[in-house]
């Protein structure tokens, strides 16, 4: 009977330690760069379109010097 209680205690302790320090069940999160972010790309396209329609030159436009 004592061995059975010791076995149950050992199994309980092992399960608790596994839950506390075992591998995480969550997958690692992926960092999204600006070139993969749809909102960022939409803002860039909007800004390029606005500059083309207004005719203003941006920092990457040729200045004609």
C-alpha atoms as a PDB file:
ATOM      1  CA  UNK A   1       0.000   0.000   0.000  1.00  0.00           C
ATOM      2  CA  UNK A   2       2.853   2.381   0.846  1.00  0.00           C
ATOM      3  CA  UNK A   3       4.488   1.694  -2.524  1.00  0.00           C
ATOM      4  CA  UNK A   4       1.259   2.493  -4.313  1.00  0.00           C
ATOM      5  CA  UNK A   5       0.964   5.870  -2.545  1.00  0.00           C
ATOM      6  CA  UNK A   6       4.620   6.612  -3.310  1.00  0.00           C
ATOM      7  CA  UNK A   7       4.030   5.755  -6.978  1.00  0.00           C
ATOM      8  CA  UNK A   8       0.961   8.012  -7.157  1.00  0.00           C
ATOM      9  CA  UNK A   9       2.922  10.833  -5.495  1.00  0.00           C
ATOM     10  CA  UNK A  10       5.864  10.397  -7.886  1.00  0.00           C
ATOM     11  CA  UNK A  11       3.590  10.407 -10.922  1.00  0.00           C
ATOM     12  CA  UNK A  12       1.772  13.499  -9.634  1.00  0.00           C
ATOM     13  CA  UNK A  13       5.068  15.277  -9.014  1.00  0.00           C
ATOM     14  CA  UNK A  14       6.351  14.325 -12.464  1.00  0.00           C
ATOM     15  CA  UNK A  15       3.198  15.632 -14.146  1.00  0.00           C
ATOM     16  CA  UNK A  16       3.335  18.915 -12.233  1.00  0.00           C
ATOM     17  CA  UNK A  17       7.015  19.422 -13.061  1.00  0.00           C
ATOM     18  CA  UNK A  18       6.342  18.590 -16.721  1.00  0.00           C
ATOM     19  CA  UNK A  19       3.540  21.177 -16.841  1.00  0.00           C
ATOM     20  CA  UNK A  20       5.705  23.800 -15.142  1.00  0.00           C
ATOM     21  CA  UNK A  21       8.998  23.298 -16.985  1.00  0.00           C
ATOM     22  CA  UNK A  22       8.162  21.188 -20.025  1.00  0.00           C
ATOM     23  CA  UNK A  23       8.061  22.361 -23.634  1.00  0.00           C
ATOM     24  CA  UNK A  24       5.619  25.131 -24.462  1.00  0.00           C
ATOM     25  CA  UNK A  25       2.501  24.138 -26.361  1.00  0.00           C
ATOM     26  CA  UNK A  26       2.315  27.497 -28.186  1.00  0.00           C
ATOM     27  CA  UNK A  27       4.034  27.822 -31.557  1.00  0.00           C
ATOM     28  CA  UNK A  28       6.584  30.635 -31.708  1.00  0.00           C
ATOM     29  CA  UNK A  29       5.216  33.901 -33.059  1.00  0.00           C
ATOM     30  CA  UNK A  30       6.500  35.117 -36.410  1.00  0.00           C
ATOM     31  CA  UNK A  31       7.734  38.663 -36.726  1.00  0.00           C
ATOM     32  CA  UNK A  32       6.212  40.394 -39.738  1.00  0.00           C
ATOM     33  CA  UNK A  33       8.555  42.744 -41.546  1.00  0.00           C
ATOM     34  CA  UNK A  34       7.296  45.914 -43.222  1.00  0.00           C
ATOM     35  CA  UNK A  35       7.580  44.347 -46.666  1.00  0.00           C
ATOM     36  CA  UNK A  36       5.154  41.602 -45.602  1.00  0.00           C
ATOM     37  CA  UNK A  37       2.670  43.909 -43.854  1.00  0.00           C
ATOM     38  CA  UNK A  38      -0.363  44.578 -46.088  1.00  0.00           C
ATOM     39  CA  UNK A  39      -1.253  47.807 -44.280  1.00  0.00           C
ATOM     40  CA  UNK A  40       2.276  49.205 -44.752  1.00  0.00           C
ATOM     41  CA  UNK A  41       2.273  48.272 -48.439  1.00  0.00           C
ATOM     42  CA  UNK A  42      -1.131  49.908 -48.886  1.00  0.00           C
ATOM     43  CA  UNK A  43       0.148  53.144 -47.308  1.00  0.00           C
ATOM     44  CA  UNK A  44       3.221  53.147 -49.550  1.00  0.00           C
ATOM     45  CA  UNK A  45       1.089  52.625 -52.662  1.00  0.00           C
ATOM     46  CA  UNK A  46      -1.267  55.412 -51.584  1.00  0.00           C
ATOM     47  CA  UNK A  47       1.656  57.789 -51.038  1.00  0.00           C
ATOM     48  CA  UNK A  48       3.206  56.917 -54.432  1.00  0.00           C
ATOM     49  CA  UNK A  49      -0.143  57.423 -56.153  1.00  0.00           C
ATOM     50  CA  UNK A  50      -0.661  60.765 -54.368  1.00  0.00           C
ATOM     51  CA  UNK A  51       2.780  61.997 -55.405  1.00  0.00           C
ATOM     52  CA  UNK A  52       2.214  60.964 -59.024  1.00  0.00           C
ATOM     53  CA  UNK A  53      -1.149  62.711 -59.259  1.00  0.00           C
ATOM     54  CA  UNK A  54       0.087  65.908 -57.569  1.00  0.00           C
ATOM     55  CA  UNK A  55       3.301  65.994 -59.577  1.00  0.00           C
ATOM     56  CA  UNK A  56       5.509  66.618 -56.539  1.00  0.00           C
ATOM     57  CA  UNK A  57       8.980  65.153 -56.380  1.00  0.00           C
ATOM     58  CA  UNK A  58       9.907  62.941 -53.510  1.00  0.00           C
ATOM     59  CA  UNK A  59      13.307  62.121 -52.043  1.00  0.00           C
ATOM     60  CA  UNK A  60      13.840  59.302 -54.569  1.00  0.00           C
ATOM     61  CA  UNK A  61      12.773  61.309 -57.622  1.00  0.00           C
ATOM     62  CA  UNK A  62      15.360  62.777 -60.015  1.00  0.00           C
ATOM     63  CA  UNK A  63      15.784  66.480 -59.333  1.00  0.00           C
ATOM     64  CA  UNK A  64      17.097  67.455 -62.790  1.00  0.00           C
ATOM     65  CA  UNK A  65      20.337  69.015 -61.481  1.00  0.00           C
END
